[in-house]
């Protein structure tokens, strides 16, 4: 019995309905061939989407963030697999030395569970590598960004955030305020945006309270008493 099918027959045997057993047997087969994680389409269209990462540097920067995350997941996965392997071998040794049949069976069950967890971890690392290849393509496509001076990097990052602000101006104004928007868009363009925004969607909720007029300030108590 392979690690992938370890315990499958016994688990299906717990089900009373033959149709349920057939269904989960099919699911077990599908799990072996169905790609896990993010597809290339998901990565290129959603994680590295043109709205949030519309500049070449913005796309490159996010790709580097994603690659770094997957690198550390790989390292952590390596140590987790080493740990699971040692734990499994220890349980198998204890089972071989155990004279009580029931206690030995419990140890063997735990060893099988660890083998399944290890297989899941290994499959996760394969998925991680498949995703990383897409991000690495973006990294390789922009050698001009590999060695930047700090000032160059700061300018490119500022341009990326300014572009992002133009793509989601309502979100950025609500979340980060007018000062950031003025820095990102410039005074003239920001004022044009505010005029258009007020005509299209009205005022921001916080503008209703500008100046603090009529707002009761909370005192020491929860109800302002």
N, C-alpha and C. Protein backbone atom coordinates (compact mmCIF):
# COMPACT_ATOMS: atom_id res chain seq x y z
N UNK A 1 0.85 -1.20 0.00
CA UNK A 1 0.00 0.00 0.00
C UNK A 1 0.88 1.25 0.00
N UNK A 2 0.67 2.17 -0.91
CA UNK A 2 1.48 3.38 -1.00
C UNK A 2 1.08 4.35 0.10
N UNK A 3 1.96 5.33 0.33
CA UNK A 3 1.67 6.33 1.35
C UNK A 3 0.41 7.12 0.99
N UNK A 4 0.21 7.38 -0.30
CA UNK A 4 -0.95 8.15 -0.73
C UNK A 4 -2.26 7.45 -0.41
N UNK A 5 -2.26 6.11 -0.46
CA UNK A 5 -3.49 5.37 -0.21
C UNK A 5 -3.52 4.77 1.19
N UNK A 6 -2.49 5.09 2.00
CA UNK A 6 -2.40 4.54 3.34
C UNK A 6 -3.64 4.91 4.14
N UNK A 7 -4.33 3.91 4.67
CA UNK A 7 -5.50 4.16 5.50
C UNK A 7 -6.78 4.39 4.74
N UNK A 8 -6.72 4.51 3.41
CA UNK A 8 -7.92 4.84 2.63
C UNK A 8 -8.96 3.73 2.73
N UNK A 9 -8.56 2.48 2.52
CA UNK A 9 -9.51 1.37 2.55
C UNK A 9 -10.18 1.25 3.91
N UNK A 10 -9.37 1.38 4.97
CA UNK A 10 -9.93 1.29 6.31
C UNK A 10 -10.89 2.44 6.59
N UNK A 11 -10.54 3.63 6.14
CA UNK A 11 -11.41 4.79 6.38
C UNK A 11 -12.73 4.64 5.63
N UNK A 12 -12.67 4.18 4.39
CA UNK A 12 -13.90 3.99 3.62
C UNK A 12 -14.77 2.90 4.23
N UNK A 13 -14.14 1.95 4.88
CA UNK A 13 -14.89 0.87 5.51
C UNK A 13 -15.76 1.35 6.65
N UNK A 14 -15.50 2.56 7.17
CA UNK A 14 -16.31 3.12 8.24
C UNK A 14 -17.67 3.59 7.74
N UNK A 15 -17.80 3.78 6.43
CA UNK A 15 -19.05 4.29 5.86
C UNK A 15 -19.99 3.13 5.57
N UNK A 16 -21.26 3.30 5.91
CA UNK A 16 -22.24 2.23 5.72
C UNK A 16 -22.80 2.21 4.30
N UNK A 17 -22.99 3.38 3.72
CA UNK A 17 -23.61 3.46 2.40
C UNK A 17 -22.56 3.17 1.32
N UNK A 18 -22.80 2.16 0.45
CA UNK A 18 -21.85 1.86 -0.63
C UNK A 18 -21.62 3.06 -1.55
N UNK A 19 -22.69 3.86 -1.75
CA UNK A 19 -22.54 5.04 -2.60
C UNK A 19 -21.57 6.04 -2.01
N UNK A 20 -21.60 6.19 -0.68
CA UNK A 20 -20.66 7.10 -0.01
C UNK A 20 -19.23 6.58 -0.15
N UNK A 21 -19.06 5.28 0.01
CA UNK A 21 -17.72 4.70 -0.14
C UNK A 21 -17.19 4.91 -1.56
N UNK A 22 -18.06 4.74 -2.54
CA UNK A 22 -17.66 4.94 -3.93
C UNK A 22 -17.29 6.40 -4.19
N UNK A 23 -18.10 7.30 -3.60
CA UNK A 23 -17.84 8.73 -3.79
C UNK A 23 -16.47 9.11 -3.23
N UNK A 24 -16.18 8.71 -1.98
CA UNK A 24 -14.92 9.09 -1.36
C UNK A 24 -13.73 8.36 -1.98
N UNK A 25 -13.96 7.19 -2.53
CA UNK A 25 -12.88 6.51 -3.26
C UNK A 25 -12.51 7.32 -4.49
N UNK A 26 -13.55 7.86 -5.16
CA UNK A 26 -13.29 8.72 -6.33
C UNK A 26 -12.59 10.01 -5.92
N UNK A 27 -13.00 10.57 -4.77
CA UNK A 27 -12.36 11.79 -4.27
C UNK A 27 -10.88 11.54 -4.00
N UNK A 28 -10.56 10.39 -3.41
CA UNK A 28 -9.16 10.05 -3.13
C UNK A 28 -8.34 10.01 -4.42
N UNK A 29 -8.95 9.50 -5.50
CA UNK A 29 -8.26 9.45 -6.79
C UNK A 29 -8.06 10.85 -7.36
N UNK A 30 -9.11 11.67 -7.23
CA UNK A 30 -9.03 13.05 -7.75
C UNK A 30 -7.95 13.83 -7.02
N UNK A 31 -7.86 13.66 -5.70
CA UNK A 31 -6.87 14.40 -4.92
C UNK A 31 -5.45 14.13 -5.39
N UNK A 32 -5.22 12.93 -5.90
CA UNK A 32 -3.88 12.60 -6.36
C UNK A 32 -3.47 13.34 -7.62
N UNK A 33 -4.45 13.70 -8.46
CA UNK A 33 -4.12 14.34 -9.73
C UNK A 33 -4.54 15.79 -9.85
N UNK A 34 -5.32 16.28 -8.86
CA UNK A 34 -5.81 17.65 -8.96
C UNK A 34 -4.75 18.63 -8.46
N UNK A 35 -4.39 19.62 -9.25
CA UNK A 35 -3.35 20.56 -8.82
C UNK A 35 -3.80 21.42 -7.64
N UNK A 36 -2.99 21.45 -6.61
CA UNK A 36 -3.28 22.27 -5.44
C UNK A 36 -2.62 23.64 -5.60
N UNK A 37 -2.96 24.56 -4.71
CA UNK A 37 -2.33 25.87 -4.73
C UNK A 37 -2.88 26.76 -5.83
N UNK A 38 -2.13 27.83 -6.12
CA UNK A 38 -2.55 28.82 -7.10
C UNK A 38 -2.09 28.41 -8.50
N UNK A 39 -2.97 28.56 -9.47
CA UNK A 39 -2.61 28.31 -10.86
C UNK A 39 -1.88 29.52 -11.44
N UNK A 40 -1.28 29.35 -12.60
CA UNK A 40 -0.63 30.47 -13.28
C UNK A 40 -1.62 31.61 -13.53
N UNK A 41 -2.83 31.25 -13.93
CA UNK A 41 -3.85 32.28 -14.17
C UNK A 41 -4.14 33.06 -12.91
N UNK A 42 -4.28 32.38 -11.78
CA UNK A 42 -4.56 33.06 -10.52
C UNK A 42 -3.42 33.98 -10.13
N UNK A 43 -2.20 33.51 -10.30
CA UNK A 43 -1.04 34.32 -9.92
C UNK A 43 -0.93 35.57 -10.79
N UNK A 44 -1.02 35.37 -12.10
CA UNK A 44 -0.81 36.50 -13.01
C UNK A 44 -1.99 37.48 -13.01
N UNK A 45 -3.21 36.97 -12.80
CA UNK A 45 -4.38 37.83 -12.90
C UNK A 45 -4.84 38.42 -11.58
N UNK A 46 -4.51 37.74 -10.46
CA UNK A 46 -5.04 38.19 -9.18
C UNK A 46 -3.94 38.58 -8.19
N UNK A 47 -2.94 37.71 -7.98
CA UNK A 47 -1.88 38.06 -7.04
C UNK A 47 -1.02 39.19 -7.60
N UNK A 48 -0.64 39.08 -8.87
CA UNK A 48 0.15 40.13 -9.54
C UNK A 48 -0.76 40.94 -10.48
N UNK A 49 -1.92 41.30 -10.00
CA UNK A 49 -2.90 41.96 -10.88
C UNK A 49 -2.45 43.36 -11.28
N UNK A 50 -2.96 43.80 -12.43
CA UNK A 50 -2.54 45.08 -13.02
C UNK A 50 -3.09 46.29 -12.28
N UNK A 51 -4.08 46.09 -11.43
CA UNK A 51 -4.63 47.22 -10.67
C UNK A 51 -3.72 47.57 -9.52
N UNK A 52 -3.36 46.58 -8.72
CA UNK A 52 -2.50 46.84 -7.56
C UNK A 52 -1.03 46.94 -7.93
N UNK A 53 -0.62 46.22 -8.96
CA UNK A 53 0.80 46.19 -9.35
C UNK A 53 0.92 46.53 -10.83
N UNK A 54 0.54 47.75 -11.15
CA UNK A 54 0.46 48.17 -12.54
C UNK A 54 1.74 48.67 -13.15
N UNK A 55 2.78 48.83 -12.35
CA UNK A 55 4.08 49.24 -12.91
C UNK A 55 5.00 48.03 -12.95
N UNK A 56 5.97 48.03 -13.86
CA UNK A 56 6.91 46.89 -13.90
C UNK A 56 7.60 46.65 -12.57
N UNK A 57 7.99 47.75 -11.89
CA UNK A 57 8.67 47.57 -10.61
C UNK A 57 7.71 47.04 -9.55
N UNK A 58 6.48 47.50 -9.56
CA UNK A 58 5.50 47.01 -8.59
C UNK A 58 5.28 45.52 -8.73
N UNK A 59 5.18 45.07 -9.98
CA UNK A 59 5.00 43.64 -10.24
C UNK A 59 6.24 42.86 -9.80
N UNK A 60 7.41 43.40 -10.12
CA UNK A 60 8.68 42.77 -9.73
C UNK A 60 8.81 42.70 -8.21
N UNK A 61 8.49 43.80 -7.54
CA UNK A 61 8.61 43.86 -6.08
C UNK A 61 7.71 42.82 -5.41
N UNK A 62 6.46 42.72 -5.86
CA UNK A 62 5.55 41.75 -5.27
C UNK A 62 5.99 40.32 -5.56
N UNK A 63 6.54 40.10 -6.76
CA UNK A 63 7.06 38.77 -7.08
C UNK A 63 8.18 38.39 -6.11
N UNK A 64 9.04 39.35 -5.77
CA UNK A 64 10.12 39.08 -4.82
C UNK A 64 9.57 38.77 -3.44
N UNK A 65 8.52 39.48 -3.04
CA UNK A 65 7.88 39.21 -1.75
C UNK A 65 7.34 37.78 -1.72
N UNK A 66 6.68 37.38 -2.80
CA UNK A 66 6.11 36.04 -2.88
C UNK A 66 7.20 34.97 -2.90
N UNK A 67 8.30 35.25 -3.60
CA UNK A 67 9.41 34.29 -3.65
C UNK A 67 10.05 34.13 -2.27
N UNK A 68 10.23 35.23 -1.56
CA UNK A 68 10.82 35.16 -0.22
C UNK A 68 9.93 34.35 0.71
N UNK A 69 8.63 34.57 0.61
CA UNK A 69 7.69 33.82 1.45
C UNK A 69 7.79 32.33 1.17
N UNK A 70 7.86 31.96 -0.09
CA UNK A 70 7.93 30.54 -0.44
C UNK A 70 9.29 29.94 -0.10
N UNK A 71 10.32 30.73 -0.16
CA UNK A 71 11.64 30.21 0.25
C UNK A 71 11.62 29.80 1.72
N UNK A 72 11.09 30.67 2.56
CA UNK A 72 11.07 30.35 3.99
C UNK A 72 10.08 29.23 4.29
N UNK A 73 9.02 29.11 3.51
CA UNK A 73 8.13 27.96 3.66
C UNK A 73 8.85 26.67 3.28
N UNK A 74 9.71 26.75 2.26
CA UNK A 74 10.50 25.58 1.86
C UNK A 74 11.44 25.16 2.99
N UNK A 75 12.15 26.12 3.56
CA UNK A 75 13.08 25.81 4.65
C UNK A 75 12.32 25.22 5.84
N UNK A 76 11.20 25.85 6.21
CA UNK A 76 10.41 25.34 7.32
C UNK A 76 9.87 23.94 7.02
N UNK A 77 9.44 23.73 5.77
CA UNK A 77 8.94 22.42 5.38
C UNK A 77 10.01 21.34 5.46
N UNK A 78 11.24 21.71 5.11
CA UNK A 78 12.36 20.76 5.21
C UNK A 78 12.55 20.28 6.64
N UNK A 79 12.56 21.22 7.58
CA UNK A 79 12.76 20.84 8.97
C UNK A 79 11.55 20.09 9.53
N UNK A 80 10.36 20.46 9.08
CA UNK A 80 9.16 19.76 9.52
C UNK A 80 9.19 18.31 9.04
N UNK A 81 9.63 18.10 7.80
CA UNK A 81 9.72 16.73 7.28
C UNK A 81 10.77 15.92 8.04
N UNK A 82 11.89 16.53 8.35
CA UNK A 82 12.91 15.83 9.14
C UNK A 82 12.35 15.41 10.49
N UNK A 83 11.61 16.33 11.12
CA UNK A 83 11.03 16.05 12.42
C UNK A 83 10.00 14.92 12.34
N UNK A 84 9.14 14.97 11.33
CA UNK A 84 8.12 13.93 11.16
C UNK A 84 8.76 12.57 10.90
N UNK A 85 9.83 12.56 10.12
CA UNK A 85 10.50 11.30 9.82
C UNK A 85 11.11 10.68 11.08
N UNK A 86 11.75 11.51 11.90
CA UNK A 86 12.35 11.00 13.13
C UNK A 86 11.26 10.51 14.08
N UNK A 87 10.18 11.29 14.19
CA UNK A 87 9.08 10.88 15.07
C UNK A 87 8.47 9.55 14.61
N UNK A 88 8.32 9.39 13.28
CA UNK A 88 7.76 8.15 12.76
C UNK A 88 8.66 6.95 13.06
N UNK A 89 9.96 7.12 12.81
CA UNK A 89 10.90 6.03 13.08
C UNK A 89 10.96 5.68 14.56
N UNK A 90 10.84 6.70 15.41
CA UNK A 90 10.84 6.45 16.84
C UNK A 90 9.61 5.64 17.25
N UNK A 91 8.45 6.00 16.68
CA UNK A 91 7.24 5.25 16.98
C UNK A 91 7.34 3.81 16.48
N UNK A 92 7.90 3.62 15.29
CA UNK A 92 8.05 2.27 14.76
C UNK A 92 8.99 1.43 15.64
N UNK A 93 10.06 2.05 16.16
CA UNK A 93 10.96 1.33 17.05
C UNK A 93 10.23 0.95 18.34
N UNK A 94 9.47 1.91 18.88
CA UNK A 94 8.72 1.63 20.11
C UNK A 94 7.70 0.52 19.89
N UNK A 95 7.06 0.54 18.69
CA UNK A 95 6.07 -0.50 18.39
C UNK A 95 6.73 -1.87 18.31
N UNK A 96 7.91 -1.92 17.69
CA UNK A 96 8.61 -3.20 17.55
C UNK A 96 9.04 -3.76 18.90
N UNK A 97 9.29 -2.86 19.86
CA UNK A 97 9.75 -3.29 21.17
C UNK A 97 8.60 -3.50 22.16
N UNK A 98 7.39 -3.12 21.74
CA UNK A 98 6.24 -3.17 22.64
C UNK A 98 5.68 -4.59 22.70
N UNK A 99 5.56 -5.13 23.92
CA UNK A 99 5.04 -6.48 24.08
C UNK A 99 3.53 -6.56 24.12
N UNK A 100 2.90 -5.44 24.50
CA UNK A 100 1.43 -5.42 24.57
C UNK A 100 0.86 -5.18 23.17
N UNK A 101 0.00 -6.08 22.70
CA UNK A 101 -0.54 -5.98 21.34
C UNK A 101 -1.30 -4.68 21.11
N UNK A 102 -2.14 -4.30 22.06
CA UNK A 102 -2.96 -3.09 21.87
C UNK A 102 -2.10 -1.83 21.88
N UNK A 103 -1.16 -1.76 22.77
CA UNK A 103 -0.27 -0.60 22.82
C UNK A 103 0.57 -0.53 21.54
N UNK A 104 1.01 -1.70 21.05
CA UNK A 104 1.78 -1.72 19.80
C UNK A 104 0.93 -1.22 18.64
N UNK A 105 -0.34 -1.61 18.61
CA UNK A 105 -1.22 -1.17 17.53
C UNK A 105 -1.41 0.34 17.56
N UNK A 106 -1.56 0.90 18.77
CA UNK A 106 -1.70 2.36 18.89
C UNK A 106 -0.45 3.07 18.35
N UNK A 107 0.71 2.55 18.66
CA UNK A 107 1.95 3.13 18.17
C UNK A 107 2.03 3.04 16.65
N UNK A 108 1.60 1.93 16.08
CA UNK A 108 1.61 1.76 14.63
C UNK A 108 0.64 2.72 13.95
N UNK A 109 -0.51 2.95 14.59
CA UNK A 109 -1.49 3.91 14.04
C UNK A 109 -0.88 5.31 13.99
N UNK A 110 -0.23 5.71 15.09
CA UNK A 110 0.38 7.04 15.12
C UNK A 110 1.49 7.16 14.08
N UNK A 111 2.23 6.08 13.87
CA UNK A 111 3.29 6.10 12.85
C UNK A 111 2.69 6.28 11.46
N UNK A 112 1.56 5.62 11.19
CA UNK A 112 0.89 5.78 9.90
C UNK A 112 0.40 7.21 9.71
N UNK A 113 -0.17 7.79 10.77
CA UNK A 113 -0.66 9.17 10.69
C UNK A 113 0.49 10.13 10.37
N UNK A 114 1.65 9.91 10.98
CA UNK A 114 2.80 10.76 10.69
C UNK A 114 3.26 10.59 9.25
N UNK A 115 3.18 9.36 8.73
CA UNK A 115 3.55 9.13 7.33
C UNK A 115 2.62 9.90 6.39
N UNK A 116 1.33 9.93 6.73
CA UNK A 116 0.38 10.69 5.92
C UNK A 116 0.66 12.19 5.99
N UNK A 117 0.95 12.67 7.19
CA UNK A 117 1.27 14.10 7.34
C UNK A 117 2.52 14.46 6.54
N UNK A 118 3.51 13.58 6.57
CA UNK A 118 4.75 13.84 5.83
C UNK A 118 4.48 13.89 4.33
N UNK A 119 3.63 12.98 3.84
CA UNK A 119 3.30 12.99 2.42
C UNK A 119 2.59 14.28 2.03
N UNK A 120 1.68 14.72 2.89
CA UNK A 120 1.01 15.99 2.62
C UNK A 120 1.98 17.14 2.58
N UNK A 121 2.97 17.13 3.49
CA UNK A 121 4.00 18.17 3.50
C UNK A 121 4.82 18.14 2.23
N UNK A 122 5.20 16.94 1.78
CA UNK A 122 5.99 16.82 0.55
C UNK A 122 5.20 17.35 -0.65
N UNK A 123 3.92 17.00 -0.72
CA UNK A 123 3.09 17.50 -1.81
C UNK A 123 2.98 19.03 -1.75
N UNK A 124 2.91 19.55 -0.54
CA UNK A 124 2.85 21.01 -0.39
C UNK A 124 4.10 21.69 -0.90
N UNK A 125 5.26 21.08 -0.70
CA UNK A 125 6.50 21.66 -1.20
C UNK A 125 6.55 21.64 -2.72
N UNK A 126 6.00 20.59 -3.34
CA UNK A 126 5.93 20.55 -4.80
C UNK A 126 5.03 21.66 -5.33
N UNK A 127 3.91 21.88 -4.65
CA UNK A 127 3.01 22.97 -5.02
C UNK A 127 3.70 24.31 -4.88
N UNK A 128 4.42 24.47 -3.78
CA UNK A 128 5.16 25.71 -3.52
C UNK A 128 6.16 26.00 -4.63
N UNK A 129 6.88 24.97 -5.07
CA UNK A 129 7.87 25.15 -6.14
C UNK A 129 7.19 25.52 -7.46
N UNK A 130 6.03 24.90 -7.73
CA UNK A 130 5.32 25.20 -8.97
C UNK A 130 4.87 26.67 -8.99
N UNK A 131 4.38 27.16 -7.87
CA UNK A 131 3.99 28.57 -7.79
C UNK A 131 5.21 29.48 -7.92
N UNK A 132 6.29 29.10 -7.26
CA UNK A 132 7.50 29.94 -7.26
C UNK A 132 8.05 30.12 -8.67
N UNK A 133 7.90 29.11 -9.53
CA UNK A 133 8.41 29.23 -10.90
C UNK A 133 7.77 30.40 -11.64
N UNK A 134 6.48 30.64 -11.40
CA UNK A 134 5.79 31.75 -12.06
C UNK A 134 6.34 33.08 -11.57
N UNK A 135 6.53 33.20 -10.25
CA UNK A 135 7.07 34.45 -9.70
C UNK A 135 8.52 34.66 -10.13
N UNK A 136 9.25 33.56 -10.25
CA UNK A 136 10.66 33.68 -10.65
C UNK A 136 10.78 34.15 -12.09
N UNK A 137 9.83 33.80 -12.93
CA UNK A 137 9.82 34.31 -14.30
C UNK A 137 9.75 35.84 -14.31
N UNK A 138 8.94 36.39 -13.42
CA UNK A 138 8.83 37.85 -13.33
C UNK A 138 10.16 38.44 -12.84
N UNK A 139 10.77 37.79 -11.85
CA UNK A 139 12.06 38.25 -11.35
C UNK A 139 13.10 38.26 -12.47
N UNK A 140 13.18 37.18 -13.23
CA UNK A 140 14.18 37.09 -14.30
C UNK A 140 13.90 38.06 -15.43
N UNK A 141 12.64 38.43 -15.62
CA UNK A 141 12.29 39.32 -16.73
C UNK A 141 12.73 40.76 -16.48
N UNK A 142 13.17 41.08 -15.26
CA UNK A 142 13.53 42.47 -14.94
C UNK A 142 14.90 42.56 -14.28
N UNK A 143 15.95 42.23 -15.02
CA UNK A 143 17.30 42.34 -14.44
C UNK A 143 17.67 43.79 -14.10
N UNK A 144 16.97 44.75 -14.70
CA UNK A 144 17.27 46.16 -14.41
C UNK A 144 16.95 46.53 -12.97
N UNK A 145 16.14 45.70 -12.29
CA UNK A 145 15.78 46.00 -10.90
C UNK A 145 16.60 45.20 -9.89
N UNK A 146 17.50 44.33 -10.36
CA UNK A 146 18.21 43.43 -9.44
C UNK A 146 19.18 44.17 -8.53
N UNK A 147 19.80 45.19 -9.03
CA UNK A 147 20.77 45.94 -8.22
C UNK A 147 20.46 47.43 -8.36
N UNK A 148 19.68 47.93 -7.43
CA UNK A 148 19.27 49.33 -7.46
C UNK A 148 19.86 50.07 -6.27
N UNK A 149 20.19 51.33 -6.52
CA UNK A 149 20.58 52.20 -5.40
C UNK A 149 19.33 52.48 -4.57
N UNK A 150 19.53 52.83 -3.32
CA UNK A 150 18.41 53.06 -2.42
C UNK A 150 17.49 54.17 -2.94
N UNK A 151 18.08 55.21 -3.52
CA UNK A 151 17.28 56.32 -4.04
C UNK A 151 16.43 55.87 -5.23
N UNK A 152 17.04 55.04 -6.10
CA UNK A 152 16.29 54.53 -7.25
C UNK A 152 15.13 53.66 -6.80
N UNK A 153 15.38 52.81 -5.82
CA UNK A 153 14.34 51.92 -5.31
C UNK A 153 13.19 52.74 -4.71
N UNK A 154 13.55 53.79 -3.96
CA UNK A 154 12.52 54.64 -3.33
C UNK A 154 11.67 55.33 -4.38
N UNK A 155 12.30 55.83 -5.46
CA UNK A 155 11.55 56.51 -6.52
C UNK A 155 10.60 55.54 -7.23
N UNK A 156 11.09 54.34 -7.51
CA UNK A 156 10.25 53.35 -8.19
C UNK A 156 9.08 52.91 -7.31
N UNK A 157 9.35 52.78 -6.02
CA UNK A 157 8.28 52.38 -5.10
C UNK A 157 7.23 53.48 -4.99
N UNK A 158 7.69 54.74 -4.95
CA UNK A 158 6.75 55.86 -4.88
C UNK A 158 5.87 55.90 -6.13
N UNK A 159 6.46 55.63 -7.29
CA UNK A 159 5.69 55.62 -8.53
C UNK A 159 4.66 54.49 -8.52
N UNK A 160 5.05 53.34 -7.95
CA UNK A 160 4.14 52.21 -7.85
C UNK A 160 2.94 52.55 -6.97
N UNK A 161 3.20 53.17 -5.81
CA UNK A 161 2.10 53.52 -4.91
C UNK A 161 1.22 54.61 -5.51
N UNK A 162 1.83 55.54 -6.24
CA UNK A 162 1.04 56.58 -6.90
C UNK A 162 0.12 55.96 -7.94
N UNK A 163 0.64 55.00 -8.71
CA UNK A 163 -0.19 54.32 -9.69
C UNK A 163 -1.33 53.57 -9.02
N UNK A 164 -1.01 52.90 -7.93
CA UNK A 164 -2.03 52.15 -7.20
C UNK A 164 -3.13 53.08 -6.68
N UNK A 165 -2.73 54.26 -6.24
CA UNK A 165 -3.70 55.24 -5.75
C UNK A 165 -4.63 55.71 -6.85
N UNK A 166 -4.12 55.82 -8.07
CA UNK A 166 -4.98 56.24 -9.18
C UNK A 166 -5.97 55.15 -9.58
N UNK A 167 -5.61 53.89 -9.29
CA UNK A 167 -6.47 52.77 -9.65
C UNK A 167 -7.56 52.52 -8.61
N UNK A 168 -7.27 52.86 -7.36
CA UNK A 168 -8.24 52.66 -6.27
C UNK A 168 -8.34 53.91 -5.41
N UNK A 169 -8.69 55.04 -6.02
CA UNK A 169 -8.62 56.31 -5.29
C UNK A 169 -9.57 56.39 -4.10
N UNK A 170 -10.77 55.84 -4.22
CA UNK A 170 -11.70 55.89 -3.10
C UNK A 170 -11.15 55.13 -1.90
N UNK A 171 -10.61 53.95 -2.15
CA UNK A 171 -10.05 53.15 -1.07
C UNK A 171 -8.88 53.87 -0.43
N UNK A 172 -7.99 54.43 -1.24
CA UNK A 172 -6.80 55.07 -0.70
C UNK A 172 -7.14 56.34 0.05
N UNK A 173 -8.08 57.12 -0.46
CA UNK A 173 -8.43 58.35 0.25
C UNK A 173 -9.08 58.03 1.59
N UNK A 174 -9.97 57.04 1.60
CA UNK A 174 -10.64 56.66 2.84
C UNK A 174 -9.65 56.09 3.84
N UNK A 175 -8.72 55.29 3.37
CA UNK A 175 -7.82 54.57 4.27
C UNK A 175 -6.62 55.40 4.70
N UNK A 176 -6.04 56.16 3.77
CA UNK A 176 -4.78 56.84 4.05
C UNK A 176 -4.88 58.35 4.14
N UNK A 177 -6.02 58.90 3.76
CA UNK A 177 -6.24 60.33 3.98
C UNK A 177 -5.75 61.23 2.87
N UNK A 178 -6.17 62.50 2.94
CA UNK A 178 -5.85 63.46 1.87
C UNK A 178 -4.37 63.77 1.72
N UNK A 179 -3.60 63.72 2.83
CA UNK A 179 -2.19 64.07 2.72
C UNK A 179 -1.44 63.09 1.82
N UNK A 180 -1.73 61.81 1.99
CA UNK A 180 -1.09 60.83 1.11
C UNK A 180 -1.54 61.04 -0.32
N UNK A 181 -2.83 61.29 -0.52
CA UNK A 181 -3.34 61.46 -1.87
C UNK A 181 -2.70 62.67 -2.56
N UNK A 182 -2.47 63.72 -1.80
CA UNK A 182 -1.79 64.89 -2.39
C UNK A 182 -0.36 64.55 -2.78
N UNK A 183 0.31 63.77 -1.95
CA UNK A 183 1.67 63.36 -2.29
C UNK A 183 1.68 62.47 -3.53
N UNK A 184 0.70 61.59 -3.62
CA UNK A 184 0.68 60.63 -4.72
C UNK A 184 0.24 61.26 -6.03
N UNK A 185 -0.79 62.13 -5.98
CA UNK A 185 -1.39 62.67 -7.19
C UNK A 185 -0.98 64.10 -7.50
N UNK A 186 -0.51 64.81 -6.50
CA UNK A 186 -0.29 66.23 -6.68
C UNK A 186 -1.55 67.00 -6.30
N UNK A 187 -1.39 68.24 -5.89
CA UNK A 187 -2.54 69.01 -5.39
C UNK A 187 -3.63 69.17 -6.44
N UNK A 188 -3.23 69.53 -7.67
CA UNK A 188 -4.23 69.81 -8.71
C UNK A 188 -5.08 68.59 -9.04
N UNK A 189 -4.43 67.48 -9.29
CA UNK A 189 -5.16 66.27 -9.66
C UNK A 189 -6.01 65.77 -8.50
N UNK A 190 -5.50 65.92 -7.28
CA UNK A 190 -6.28 65.48 -6.13
C UNK A 190 -7.54 66.31 -5.98
N UNK A 191 -7.44 67.60 -6.17
CA UNK A 191 -8.63 68.46 -6.05
C UNK A 191 -9.66 68.10 -7.13
N UNK A 192 -9.19 67.79 -8.33
CA UNK A 192 -10.11 67.34 -9.37
C UNK A 192 -10.81 66.05 -8.97
N UNK A 193 -10.04 65.15 -8.37
CA UNK A 193 -10.63 63.88 -7.93
C UNK A 193 -11.67 64.12 -6.85
N UNK A 194 -11.37 64.98 -5.87
CA UNK A 194 -12.32 65.24 -4.78
C UNK A 194 -13.62 65.81 -5.33
N UNK A 195 -13.51 66.74 -6.28
CA UNK A 195 -14.72 67.32 -6.87
C UNK A 195 -15.54 66.25 -7.57
N UNK A 196 -14.88 65.39 -8.33
CA UNK A 196 -15.59 64.33 -9.05
C UNK A 196 -16.17 63.30 -8.07
N UNK A 197 -15.41 63.02 -7.04
CA UNK A 197 -15.89 62.05 -6.05
C UNK A 197 -17.11 62.55 -5.32
N UNK A 198 -17.10 63.81 -4.92
CA UNK A 198 -18.25 64.35 -4.20
C UNK A 198 -19.49 64.40 -5.07
N UNK A 199 -19.29 64.63 -6.36
CA UNK A 199 -20.43 64.66 -7.27
C UNK A 199 -20.96 63.25 -7.53
N UNK A 200 -20.05 62.27 -7.58
CA UNK A 200 -20.46 60.91 -7.92
C UNK A 200 -20.97 60.12 -6.72
N UNK A 201 -20.24 60.19 -5.59
CA UNK A 201 -20.61 59.35 -4.44
C UNK A 201 -20.84 60.13 -3.17
N UNK A 202 -20.66 61.44 -3.20
CA UNK A 202 -20.89 62.23 -2.00
C UNK A 202 -19.64 62.36 -1.14
N UNK A 203 -19.85 62.70 0.13
CA UNK A 203 -18.73 62.93 1.03
C UNK A 203 -18.30 61.63 1.68
N UNK A 204 -17.06 61.63 2.19
CA UNK A 204 -16.59 60.50 2.98
C UNK A 204 -17.25 60.54 4.35
N UNK A 205 -17.47 59.39 4.97
CA UNK A 205 -18.09 59.39 6.31
C UNK A 205 -17.38 60.29 7.30
N UNK A 206 -16.04 60.32 7.28
CA UNK A 206 -15.34 61.13 8.27
C UNK A 206 -15.52 62.62 8.02
N UNK A 207 -15.85 63.00 6.75
CA UNK A 207 -16.07 64.42 6.47
C UNK A 207 -17.31 64.95 7.16
N UNK A 208 -18.22 64.05 7.51
CA UNK A 208 -19.41 64.47 8.24
C UNK A 208 -19.06 64.99 9.63
N UNK A 209 -17.92 64.56 10.16
CA UNK A 209 -17.52 64.93 11.51
C UNK A 209 -16.35 65.91 11.53
N UNK A 210 -15.99 66.45 10.38
CA UNK A 210 -14.85 67.37 10.34
C UNK A 210 -15.15 68.57 11.22
N UNK A 211 -14.18 68.94 12.02
CA UNK A 211 -14.36 70.06 12.93
C UNK A 211 -14.88 69.64 14.28
N UNK A 212 -15.44 68.45 14.39
CA UNK A 212 -15.89 67.96 15.68
C UNK A 212 -17.19 68.54 16.18
N UNK A 213 -17.86 69.35 15.39
CA UNK A 213 -19.10 69.97 15.83
C UNK A 213 -20.19 68.96 16.09
N UNK A 214 -20.81 69.04 17.24
CA UNK A 214 -21.93 68.18 17.56
C UNK A 214 -21.54 66.77 17.95
N UNK A 215 -20.24 66.48 18.04
CA UNK A 215 -19.80 65.14 18.42
C UNK A 215 -19.55 65.12 19.92
N UNK A 216 -20.22 64.23 20.60
CA UNK A 216 -20.04 64.10 22.05
C UNK A 216 -18.78 63.30 22.34
N UNK A 217 -17.88 63.89 23.09
CA UNK A 217 -16.63 63.21 23.41
C UNK A 217 -16.84 62.24 24.56
N UNK A 218 -16.31 61.05 24.44
CA UNK A 218 -16.43 60.06 25.51
C UNK A 218 -15.57 60.47 26.69
N UNK A 219 -16.14 60.31 27.86
CA UNK A 219 -15.41 60.57 29.10
C UNK A 219 -14.79 59.30 29.62
N UNK A 220 -14.51 59.27 30.93
CA UNK A 220 -13.87 58.08 31.51
C UNK A 220 -14.70 56.82 31.39
N UNK A 221 -16.04 56.94 31.45
CA UNK A 221 -16.88 55.77 31.37
C UNK A 221 -17.12 55.33 29.94
N UNK A 222 -17.60 54.10 29.77
CA UNK A 222 -17.87 53.58 28.45
C UNK A 222 -18.94 54.39 27.75
N UNK A 223 -19.91 54.87 28.48
CA UNK A 223 -21.02 55.64 27.90
C UNK A 223 -20.82 57.13 27.97
N UNK A 224 -19.57 57.53 28.22
CA UNK A 224 -19.28 58.96 28.24
C UNK A 224 -19.74 59.64 29.51
N UNK A 225 -20.00 58.91 30.55
CA UNK A 225 -20.45 59.51 31.81
C UNK A 225 -19.28 59.77 32.75
